[in-house]
């Protein structure tokens, strides 16, 4: 399982606790996230692109938000 941590460019600065966990191509809020651990995925990773998923608080699930290289 991979984890995402806030880094120096994040608005809230570097974080010691993971904000997101990646499991089976889905990205879930983890215990370090300000909203706490999430049961629903916020993002999905498909074909090298990151899409908002049904658990994300913002709309726009049909289009990718990030491209992984």
C-alpha atoms as a PDB file:
ATOM      1  CA  UNK A   1       0.000   0.000   0.000  1.00  0.00           C
ATOM      2  CA  UNK A   2       1.301   3.430  -0.937  1.00  0.00           C
ATOM      3  CA  UNK A   3       0.699   6.626   1.022  1.00  0.00           C
ATOM      4  CA  UNK A   4       0.574  10.298   0.064  1.00  0.00           C
ATOM      5  CA  UNK A   5       2.012  12.868   2.499  1.00  0.00           C
ATOM      6  CA  UNK A   6       1.739  16.663   2.247  1.00  0.00           C
ATOM      7  CA  UNK A   7       5.052  18.168   1.157  1.00  0.00           C
ATOM      8  CA  UNK A   8       6.621  21.636   1.360  1.00  0.00           C
ATOM      9  CA  UNK A   9       4.494  22.976  -1.512  1.00  0.00           C
ATOM     10  CA  UNK A  10       1.225  22.050   0.201  1.00  0.00           C
ATOM     11  CA  UNK A  11      -0.801  24.966   1.604  1.00  0.00           C
ATOM     12  CA  UNK A  12      -0.616  23.412   5.090  1.00  0.00           C
ATOM     13  CA  UNK A  13       3.058  22.503   4.820  1.00  0.00           C
ATOM     14  CA  UNK A  14       4.922  19.241   5.275  1.00  0.00           C
ATOM     15  CA  UNK A  15       2.993  16.540   7.086  1.00  0.00           C
ATOM     16  CA  UNK A  16       4.267  13.619   9.143  1.00  0.00           C
ATOM     17  CA  UNK A  17       1.054  11.579   8.823  1.00  0.00           C
ATOM     18  CA  UNK A  18      -0.323  10.246   5.517  1.00  0.00           C
ATOM     19  CA  UNK A  19      -3.239  12.139   4.069  1.00  0.00           C
ATOM     20  CA  UNK A  20      -4.132   9.439   1.529  1.00  0.00           C
ATOM     21  CA  UNK A  21      -3.660   5.683   1.078  1.00  0.00           C
ATOM     22  CA  UNK A  22      -3.713   3.921  -2.279  1.00  0.00           C
ATOM     23  CA  UNK A  23      -5.355   0.502  -2.360  1.00  0.00           C
ATOM     24  CA  UNK A  24      -6.265  -1.387  -5.543  1.00  0.00           C
ATOM     25  CA  UNK A  25      -6.132   1.727  -7.715  1.00  0.00           C
ATOM     26  CA  UNK A  26      -8.336   3.750  -5.354  1.00  0.00           C
ATOM     27  CA  UNK A  27      -7.157   6.655  -3.195  1.00  0.00           C
ATOM     28  CA  UNK A  28      -8.713   6.991   0.279  1.00  0.00           C
ATOM     29  CA  UNK A  29      -8.327   9.716   2.915  1.00  0.00           C
ATOM     30  CA  UNK A  30      -6.041   8.402   5.673  1.00  0.00           C
ATOM     31  CA  UNK A  31      -5.690   9.254   9.382  1.00  0.00           C
ATOM     32  CA  UNK A  32      -3.551  12.333   8.721  1.00  0.00           C
ATOM     33  CA  UNK A  33      -6.189  13.980   6.536  1.00  0.00           C
ATOM     34  CA  UNK A  34      -8.024  16.908   8.217  1.00  0.00           C
ATOM     35  CA  UNK A  35     -11.361  15.167   7.541  1.00  0.00           C
ATOM     36  CA  UNK A  36     -10.082  11.874   8.933  1.00  0.00           C
ATOM     37  CA  UNK A  37     -10.111   8.378   7.510  1.00  0.00           C
ATOM     38  CA  UNK A  38     -12.594   7.894   4.692  1.00  0.00           C
ATOM     39  CA  UNK A  39     -14.526   4.758   3.837  1.00  0.00           C
ATOM     40  CA  UNK A  40     -15.151   5.928   0.254  1.00  0.00           C
ATOM     41  CA  UNK A  41     -12.372   6.612  -2.255  1.00  0.00           C
ATOM     42  CA  UNK A  42     -11.704  10.215  -3.217  1.00  0.00           C
ATOM     43  CA  UNK A  43      -9.758   9.322  -6.370  1.00  0.00           C
ATOM     44  CA  UNK A  44      -9.348   6.438  -8.830  1.00  0.00           C
ATOM     45  CA  UNK A  45      -6.179   5.772 -10.803  1.00  0.00           C
ATOM     46  CA  UNK A  46      -6.799   4.488 -14.323  1.00  0.00           C
ATOM     47  CA  UNK A  47      -4.413   4.387 -17.290  1.00  0.00           C
ATOM     48  CA  UNK A  48      -1.940   6.760 -15.643  1.00  0.00           C
ATOM     49  CA  UNK A  49      -4.591   9.361 -14.850  1.00  0.00           C
ATOM     50  CA  UNK A  50      -6.183  10.335 -11.531  1.00  0.00           C
ATOM     51  CA  UNK A  51      -9.959  10.866 -11.485  1.00  0.00           C
ATOM     52  CA  UNK A  52     -12.141  12.137  -8.624  1.00  0.00           C
ATOM     53  CA  UNK A  53     -14.244   9.259  -7.283  1.00  0.00           C
ATOM     54  CA  UNK A  54     -17.674   9.157  -5.598  1.00  0.00           C
ATOM     55  CA  UNK A  55     -16.245   9.924  -2.144  1.00  0.00           C
ATOM     56  CA  UNK A  56     -14.619  13.207  -3.214  1.00  0.00           C
ATOM     57  CA  UNK A  57     -16.404  16.295  -1.859  1.00  0.00           C
ATOM     58  CA  UNK A  58     -16.100  18.206  -5.178  1.00  0.00           C
ATOM     59  CA  UNK A  59     -17.962  17.354  -8.384  1.00  0.00           C
ATOM     60  CA  UNK A  60     -16.330  16.468 -11.691  1.00  0.00           C
ATOM     61  CA  UNK A  61     -15.846  12.700 -11.658  1.00  0.00           C
ATOM     62  CA  UNK A  62     -15.875  12.256 -15.433  1.00  0.00           C
ATOM     63  CA  UNK A  63     -12.597  13.977 -16.259  1.00  0.00           C
ATOM     64  CA  UNK A  64      -9.060  13.336 -14.991  1.00  0.00           C
ATOM     65  CA  UNK A  65      -7.562  15.787 -12.507  1.00  0.00           C
ATOM     66  CA  UNK A  66      -3.953  14.574 -12.695  1.00  0.00           C
ATOM     67  CA  UNK A  67      -1.718  12.753 -15.157  1.00  0.00           C
ATOM     68  CA  UNK A  68       0.945  10.437 -13.713  1.00  0.00           C
ATOM     69  CA  UNK A  69       4.314  10.284 -15.502  1.00  0.00           C
END
